[in-house]
């Protein structure tokens, strides 16, 4: 996505290096944990472009599934 948004060429080494420098795995991992703990939400609609409520719903369910797989079912939940 970063390559597309910044009009970078995957065949140009400098473009690839720039894209790789912008992706910080440690930050992404920390965001995952904070999001899973409910510290902040990363699910939203893109109001400036093509975002739709259906995309938000889909992403919300995907995040919930990932949280269940990674952290286990919510205590007291029915396990679905």
Protein backbone atom coordinates (compact mmCIF):
# COMPACT_ATOMS: atom_id res chain seq x y z
CA UNK A 1 0.00 0.00 0.00
CA UNK A 2 2.82 2.39 0.85
CA UNK A 3 4.42 1.78 -2.53
CA UNK A 4 1.17 2.54 -4.35
CA UNK A 5 0.22 5.61 -2.29
CA UNK A 6 3.64 7.20 -2.79
CA UNK A 7 3.86 6.17 -6.47
CA UNK A 8 7.02 4.16 -5.85
CA UNK A 9 8.51 1.68 -8.29
CA UNK A 10 9.34 -1.78 -6.90
CA UNK A 11 12.08 -2.09 -9.55
CA UNK A 12 13.98 0.92 -8.16
CA UNK A 13 16.17 0.03 -5.18
CA UNK A 14 15.89 3.52 -3.64
CA UNK A 15 12.07 3.35 -3.74
CA UNK A 16 12.08 -0.05 -2.04
CA UNK A 17 14.56 1.19 0.59
CA UNK A 18 12.34 4.21 1.30
CA UNK A 19 9.26 2.01 1.68
CA UNK A 20 11.08 -0.40 3.99
CA UNK A 21 12.32 2.51 6.13
CA UNK A 22 8.73 3.67 6.67
CA UNK A 23 7.47 0.28 7.92
CA UNK A 24 8.44 -0.21 11.55
CA UNK A 25 7.66 -3.75 12.67
CA UNK A 26 8.12 -2.91 16.35
CA UNK A 27 5.57 -0.10 16.14
CA UNK A 28 3.08 -2.31 14.32
CA UNK A 29 3.51 -5.02 16.97
CA UNK A 30 2.99 -2.49 19.78
CA UNK A 31 -0.12 -1.12 18.05
CA UNK A 32 -1.52 -4.65 17.82
CA UNK A 33 -1.18 -5.18 21.57
CA UNK A 34 -2.58 -1.75 22.48
CA UNK A 35 -5.49 -2.23 20.10
CA UNK A 36 -6.21 -5.71 21.47
CA UNK A 37 -6.25 -4.31 25.00
CA UNK A 38 -8.75 -1.65 23.94
CA UNK A 39 -6.32 1.24 24.45
CA UNK A 40 -7.28 2.66 21.06
CA UNK A 41 -9.23 1.74 17.96
CA UNK A 42 -7.73 1.27 14.51
CA UNK A 43 -11.00 0.46 12.79
CA UNK A 44 -12.55 3.37 10.92
CA UNK A 45 -14.06 4.40 7.63
CA UNK A 46 -12.08 6.36 5.08
CA UNK A 47 -14.24 9.47 4.79
CA UNK A 48 -12.00 11.08 2.17
CA UNK A 49 -11.95 8.33 -0.43
CA UNK A 50 -13.70 5.03 -1.07
CA UNK A 51 -14.23 3.77 2.50
CA UNK A 52 -17.60 2.19 3.19
CA UNK A 53 -19.37 0.95 6.28
CA UNK A 54 -19.14 -2.60 4.93
CA UNK A 55 -15.35 -2.37 5.03
CA UNK A 56 -15.47 -1.21 8.66
CA UNK A 57 -17.73 -4.13 9.60
CA UNK A 58 -15.50 -6.62 7.78
CA UNK A 59 -12.34 -5.28 9.44
CA UNK A 60 -14.02 -5.24 12.86
CA UNK A 61 -14.89 -8.94 12.58
CA UNK A 62 -11.38 -9.74 11.31
CA UNK A 63 -9.83 -7.95 14.29
CA UNK A 64 -12.18 -9.73 16.71
CA UNK A 65 -11.25 -13.10 15.20
CA UNK A 66 -7.55 -12.36 15.44
CA UNK A 67 -7.91 -11.27 19.06
CA UNK A 68 -9.79 -14.48 19.87
CA UNK A 69 -7.12 -16.64 18.21
CA UNK A 70 -4.25 -14.74 19.83
CA UNK A 71 -5.68 -14.07 23.32
CA UNK A 72 -8.40 -16.72 23.67
CA UNK A 73 -12.15 -16.33 24.07
CA UNK A 74 -13.58 -13.69 26.38
CA UNK A 75 -14.27 -15.13 29.81
CA UNK A 76 -17.99 -15.68 30.25
CA UNK A 77 -18.51 -15.70 26.49
CA UNK A 78 -20.29 -18.50 24.68
CA UNK A 79 -17.21 -19.31 22.55
CA UNK A 80 -18.67 -18.32 19.19
